[in-house]
Amino acid sequence: MLRASMEWSSQRVWITGASSGIGEALALELSRRGATLVLSARRGEELERVAAACAGGGHRVAPLDLTRTAELGPVAREVLAEGPVDVLVHNGGISQRALARETTEETERRIFATNYFGTVALTRAVLPAMRERGHGRLVVVTSLVGKIGTPLRSSYSASKHALHGYFEALRAEEHGAGIRVTLVCPGFIRTTLPERALTGDGSPQGQMDRAQLEGMPPEECARRIARAVAQGRDEVLIGGRERLAVLLFRFFPGLFRRLIRRARVT
């Protein structure tokens, strides 16, 4: 059973977005703690690289594309046929760097297809097996902008807000079935996510943000995620001073709205 004193060595963990960034760092961290991993992302060769770098053995690579929701069920059945999934980490996603007025509907749909619909579809595919066993944990890597809105991330923020709404509801619905949810809200983490972030027409930004370069190393982020999940936390905010924006928005929303207009968010 997953409790506050959970030992990772007894857990089989499925991580999406595991080919780079937070997902890769989390794979390495959890493998050192003894977890057996299933690693997913679109780039199979990168997954093989990460799997080879992980400690221990028995890890599995399961390439998938979150936007192809019809294919997620068959992948899940293959993974579950080889053993139960104790923890499903939803880390796959895509970001945005564009003004709302310049973002096409196609780009908006692409962001939601990856960040929201793919995540929900994979959850539906794994949830029945967790319910049958009477326990399981869903770890959802959202963002601080899943709790606030900032310029240049309108659709990205909306997709992350949607994840919060969905998994808060799911948390309440499935508590009696032994299903637990941890929402992870990173701020500026030093990954290449901004390089792949979509501009208004759907093309990648192709460069890093200064704020991201100055952010927390993904290895430290992974350690904090591992600790929060092991402790059974419902939600954790990870980052530096940017975390204070969530408190500012909660208690002084008017002040937050004035400050965010001129804040450096890239």
Protein backbone atom coordinates (compact mmCIF):
# COMPACT_ATOMS: atom_id res chain seq x y z
CA MET A 1 0.00 0.00 0.00
CA LEU A 2 1.11 3.57 -0.65
CA ARG A 3 1.55 5.34 2.67
CA ALA A 4 3.52 8.30 3.95
CA SER A 5 6.46 5.96 4.61
CA MET A 6 6.35 4.47 1.13
CA GLU A 7 9.48 2.66 0.03
CA TRP A 8 10.29 3.26 -3.62
CA SER A 9 12.02 -0.11 -3.83
CA SER A 10 8.64 -1.85 -3.80
CA GLN A 11 7.10 0.32 -6.51
CA ARG A 12 6.69 -0.05 -10.26
CA VAL A 13 6.54 3.49 -11.64
CA TRP A 14 5.42 4.60 -15.10
CA ILE A 15 6.82 8.00 -16.14
CA THR A 16 5.72 9.88 -19.25
CA GLY A 17 7.93 12.58 -20.74
CA ALA A 18 10.88 10.50 -19.51
CA SER A 19 13.29 11.25 -22.36
CA SER A 20 14.55 14.60 -21.00
CA GLY A 21 14.19 17.27 -18.36
CA ILE A 22 12.23 16.56 -15.20
CA GLY A 23 11.13 13.15 -16.46
CA GLU A 24 14.68 11.98 -17.11
CA ALA A 25 15.91 13.33 -13.77
CA LEU A 26 13.02 11.64 -11.97
CA ALA A 27 13.76 8.33 -13.70
CA LEU A 28 17.37 8.44 -12.53
CA GLU A 29 16.36 9.47 -9.01
CA LEU A 30 13.70 6.80 -8.55
CA SER A 31 15.89 4.08 -10.02
CA ARG A 32 18.56 4.94 -7.42
CA ARG A 33 15.86 4.57 -4.78
CA GLY A 34 15.08 1.10 -6.07
CA ALA A 35 11.95 1.62 -8.14
CA THR A 36 11.29 -0.42 -11.27
CA LEU A 37 10.45 1.91 -14.15
CA VAL A 38 8.37 2.09 -17.29
CA LEU A 39 9.66 5.00 -19.40
CA SER A 40 7.53 6.69 -22.05
CA ALA A 41 7.91 9.54 -24.53
CA ARG A 42 7.85 9.86 -28.30
CA ARG A 43 11.60 9.42 -28.85
CA GLY A 44 12.37 5.76 -28.36
CA GLU A 45 16.13 6.13 -28.80
CA GLU A 46 16.27 8.75 -26.05
CA LEU A 47 14.24 6.49 -23.76
CA GLU A 48 16.76 3.71 -24.35
CA ARG A 49 19.54 6.12 -23.37
CA VAL A 50 17.76 7.06 -20.15
CA ALA A 51 16.96 3.43 -19.32
CA ALA A 52 20.63 2.50 -19.77
CA ALA A 53 21.64 5.24 -17.33
CA CYS A 54 19.18 4.14 -14.65
CA ALA A 55 20.34 2.13 -11.66
CA GLY A 56 19.10 -1.40 -11.17
CA GLY A 57 17.37 -3.51 -13.78
CA GLY A 58 14.00 -4.60 -15.05
CA HIS A 59 13.16 -1.20 -16.52
CA ARG A 60 10.94 -1.07 -19.60
CA VAL A 61 10.74 1.38 -22.48
CA ALA A 62 7.25 2.03 -23.86
CA PRO A 63 7.27 4.77 -26.53
CA LEU A 64 4.02 6.66 -26.99
CA ASP A 65 2.59 9.91 -28.33
CA LEU A 66 0.10 11.49 -25.94
CA THR A 67 -1.73 13.17 -28.81
CA ARG A 68 -2.65 9.76 -30.27
CA THR A 69 -5.14 8.87 -27.58
CA ALA A 70 -6.52 5.84 -29.42
CA GLU A 71 -3.10 4.18 -29.11
CA LEU A 72 -2.70 4.74 -25.35
CA GLY A 73 -5.06 1.95 -24.29
CA PRO A 74 -3.14 -0.77 -26.16
CA VAL A 75 0.17 0.49 -24.78
CA ALA A 76 -1.29 0.46 -21.27
CA ARG A 77 -2.54 -3.11 -21.69
CA GLU A 78 0.95 -4.23 -22.73
CA VAL A 79 2.53 -2.52 -19.73
CA LEU A 80 -0.06 -3.90 -17.29
CA ALA A 81 0.24 -7.40 -18.72
CA GLU A 82 3.83 -7.44 -17.45
CA GLY A 83 2.96 -6.27 -13.96
CA PRO A 84 0.97 -3.71 -11.94
CA VAL A 85 1.62 0.02 -12.09
CA ASP A 86 1.82 1.37 -8.54
CA VAL A 87 2.60 4.98 -9.49
CA LEU A 88 1.77 6.71 -12.78
CA VAL A 89 3.71 9.96 -13.25
CA HIS A 90 2.10 12.24 -15.82
CA ASN A 91 5.06 14.37 -16.86
CA GLY A 92 4.69 14.58 -20.65
CA GLY A 93 3.73 18.00 -21.93
CA ILE A 94 4.44 20.95 -24.16
CA SER A 95 4.70 24.64 -23.31
CA GLN A 96 3.89 27.94 -25.05
CA ARG A 97 5.59 31.28 -25.64
CA ALA A 98 3.11 33.48 -27.51
CA LEU A 99 0.55 36.18 -26.94
CA ALA A 100 -3.01 34.89 -26.79
CA ARG A 101 -4.07 37.05 -29.73
CA GLU A 102 -1.29 35.55 -31.89
CA THR A 103 -1.92 31.89 -31.01
CA THR A 104 -3.83 29.92 -33.61
CA GLU A 105 -6.63 27.52 -32.75
CA GLU A 106 -4.54 24.68 -34.17
CA THR A 107 -1.73 25.52 -31.74
CA GLU A 108 -4.17 25.71 -28.84
CA ARG A 109 -5.61 22.31 -29.73
CA ARG A 110 -2.13 20.81 -29.98
CA ILE A 111 -1.28 22.04 -26.49
CA PHE A 112 -4.48 20.61 -25.03
CA ALA A 113 -4.10 17.34 -26.94
CA THR A 114 -0.75 16.72 -25.27
CA ASN A 115 -1.14 18.28 -21.85
CA TYR A 116 -4.76 17.45 -21.07
CA PHE A 117 -6.48 14.92 -23.33
CA GLY A 118 -3.49 12.57 -23.55
CA THR A 119 -3.00 12.66 -19.79
CA VAL A 120 -6.67 11.96 -19.13
CA ALA A 121 -6.79 9.13 -21.67
CA LEU A 122 -3.79 7.39 -20.13
CA THR A 123 -5.33 7.79 -16.68
CA ARG A 124 -8.52 6.10 -17.87
CA ALA A 125 -6.45 3.25 -19.31
CA VAL A 126 -4.61 2.55 -16.04
CA LEU A 127 -7.25 3.45 -13.44
CA PRO A 128 -9.31 0.21 -13.63
CA ALA A 129 -6.26 -1.92 -12.76
CA MET A 130 -5.43 0.35 -9.82
CA ARG A 131 -9.02 0.12 -8.60
CA GLU A 132 -8.96 -3.65 -8.88
CA ARG A 133 -5.84 -3.83 -6.70
CA GLY A 134 -7.27 -1.29 -4.24
CA HIS A 135 -4.43 1.20 -4.40
CA GLY A 136 -2.36 3.38 -6.70
CA ARG A 137 -1.00 6.90 -6.99
CA LEU A 138 -1.33 9.35 -9.84
CA VAL A 139 1.40 11.99 -9.88
CA VAL A 140 0.55 14.90 -12.15
CA VAL A 141 3.33 17.32 -13.06
CA THR A 142 1.42 20.51 -13.83
CA SER A 143 2.97 23.94 -13.28
CA LEU A 144 2.74 27.00 -11.08
CA VAL A 145 0.75 28.46 -13.99
CA GLY A 146 -1.82 25.77 -13.30
CA LYS A 147 -2.69 27.94 -10.30
CA ILE A 148 -2.03 31.41 -11.74
CA GLY A 149 -1.92 32.97 -15.21
CA THR A 150 1.10 34.69 -16.72
CA PRO A 151 1.74 36.40 -20.07
CA LEU A 152 2.79 34.31 -23.09
CA ARG A 153 1.30 31.11 -21.64
CA SER A 154 -2.46 31.53 -22.02
CA SER A 155 -3.26 28.13 -23.55
CA TYR A 156 -0.51 26.34 -21.62
CA SER A 157 -1.86 27.81 -18.38
CA ALA A 158 -5.40 26.85 -19.36
CA SER A 159 -4.35 23.24 -20.00
CA LYS A 160 -2.66 23.06 -16.62
CA HIS A 161 -5.67 24.61 -14.86
CA ALA A 162 -7.76 21.91 -16.54
CA LEU A 163 -5.51 19.20 -15.08
CA HIS A 164 -5.98 20.65 -11.60
CA GLY A 165 -9.74 20.62 -11.97
CA TYR A 166 -9.84 17.09 -13.36
CA PHE A 167 -7.53 15.48 -10.84
CA GLU A 168 -9.01 17.27 -7.83
CA ALA A 169 -12.38 15.82 -8.85
CA LEU A 170 -10.83 12.39 -9.48
CA ARG A 171 -9.12 12.53 -6.09
CA ALA A 172 -12.47 12.90 -4.36
CA GLU A 173 -14.21 10.28 -6.52
CA GLU A 174 -11.59 7.55 -6.12
CA HIS A 175 -10.44 8.06 -2.54
CA GLY A 176 -12.54 5.16 -1.33
CA ALA A 177 -10.95 2.91 -3.96
CA GLY A 178 -7.47 3.58 -2.56
CA ILE A 179 -6.39 5.91 -5.37
CA ARG A 180 -4.32 8.90 -4.30
CA VAL A 181 -3.27 11.97 -6.32
CA THR A 182 -0.21 14.19 -5.98
CA LEU A 183 -0.21 17.44 -7.96
CA VAL A 184 3.32 18.71 -8.62
CA CYS A 185 3.60 22.40 -9.56
CA PRO A 186 7.10 23.32 -10.76
CA GLY A 187 8.21 26.86 -11.39
CA PHE A 188 11.41 27.67 -13.27
CA ILE A 189 13.31 24.39 -13.68
CA ARG A 190 16.49 24.30 -15.77
CA THR A 191 15.27 22.14 -18.65
CA THR A 192 15.01 22.61 -22.41
CA LEU A 193 11.21 22.92 -22.26
CA PRO A 194 11.33 26.56 -23.48
CA GLU A 195 13.26 25.54 -26.61
CA ARG A 196 10.38 23.26 -27.63
CA ALA A 197 7.66 25.66 -26.47
CA LEU A 198 5.20 26.54 -29.23
CA THR A 199 4.95 30.03 -30.65
CA GLY A 200 1.67 31.32 -32.01
CA ASP A 201 1.87 29.49 -35.33
CA GLY A 202 2.91 26.21 -33.70
CA SER A 203 6.62 26.41 -34.50
CA PRO A 204 9.07 25.86 -31.61
CA GLN A 205 10.58 28.87 -29.89
CA GLY A 206 14.04 27.37 -30.42
CA GLN A 207 15.78 29.20 -27.60
CA MET A 208 16.01 29.14 -23.83
CA ASP A 209 14.44 31.61 -21.44
CA ARG A 210 16.78 33.43 -19.09
CA ALA A 211 14.45 32.71 -16.17
CA GLN A 212 14.62 29.00 -16.99
CA LEU A 213 18.41 29.03 -17.23
CA GLU A 214 18.55 30.55 -13.74
CA GLY A 215 16.04 28.04 -12.39
CA MET A 216 16.34 24.98 -10.16
CA PRO A 217 18.36 22.04 -11.52
CA PRO A 218 16.06 19.19 -12.62
CA GLU A 219 17.92 16.80 -10.29
CA GLU A 220 16.84 18.84 -7.25
CA CYS A 221 13.29 19.04 -8.62
CA ALA A 222 13.28 15.23 -8.96
CA ARG A 223 14.45 14.76 -5.37
CA ARG A 224 11.66 16.99 -4.11
CA ILE A 225 9.05 15.16 -6.19
CA ALA A 226 10.27 11.79 -4.90
CA ARG A 227 10.11 13.03 -1.31
CA ALA A 228 6.65 14.58 -1.70
CA VAL A 229 5.16 11.44 -3.26
CA ALA A 230 6.75 9.17 -0.64
CA GLN A 231 5.23 11.39 2.05
CA GLY A 232 1.79 11.12 0.46
CA ARG A 233 1.51 14.85 -0.25
CA ASP A 234 -1.60 16.01 -2.11
CA GLU A 235 0.22 18.94 -3.72
CA VAL A 236 3.71 20.39 -3.79
CA LEU A 237 5.06 23.66 -5.22
CA ILE A 238 8.64 23.36 -6.45
CA GLY A 239 10.94 26.20 -7.45
CA GLY A 240 12.44 29.37 -6.09
CA ARG A 241 10.92 32.74 -5.29
CA GLU A 242 8.39 32.31 -8.09
CA ARG A 243 6.40 30.07 -5.73
CA LEU A 244 5.46 33.20 -3.78
CA ALA A 245 3.32 34.28 -6.75
CA VAL A 246 0.78 31.60 -5.81
CA LEU A 247 0.43 33.01 -2.29
CA LEU A 248 0.32 36.56 -3.63
CA PHE A 249 -2.50 35.62 -6.01
CA ARG A 250 -4.41 33.86 -3.24
CA PHE A 251 -4.24 36.60 -0.63
CA PHE A 252 -3.64 39.78 -2.67
CA PRO A 253 -5.10 39.10 -6.14
CA GLY A 254 -5.33 42.75 -7.12
CA LEU A 255 -1.66 43.34 -6.37
CA PHE A 256 -0.69 40.15 -8.21
CA ARG A 257 -2.58 41.26 -11.32
CA ARG A 258 -0.78 44.59 -11.36
CA LEU A 259 2.66 43.05 -10.87
CA ILE A 260 2.29 40.23 -13.39
CA ARG A 261 1.75 42.75 -16.20
CA ARG A 262 5.41 43.74 -16.06
CA ALA A 263 6.99 40.63 -14.53
CA ARG A 264 9.84 38.87 -16.34
CA VAL A 265 8.33 35.53 -17.32
CA THR A 266 10.91 34.41 -19.90
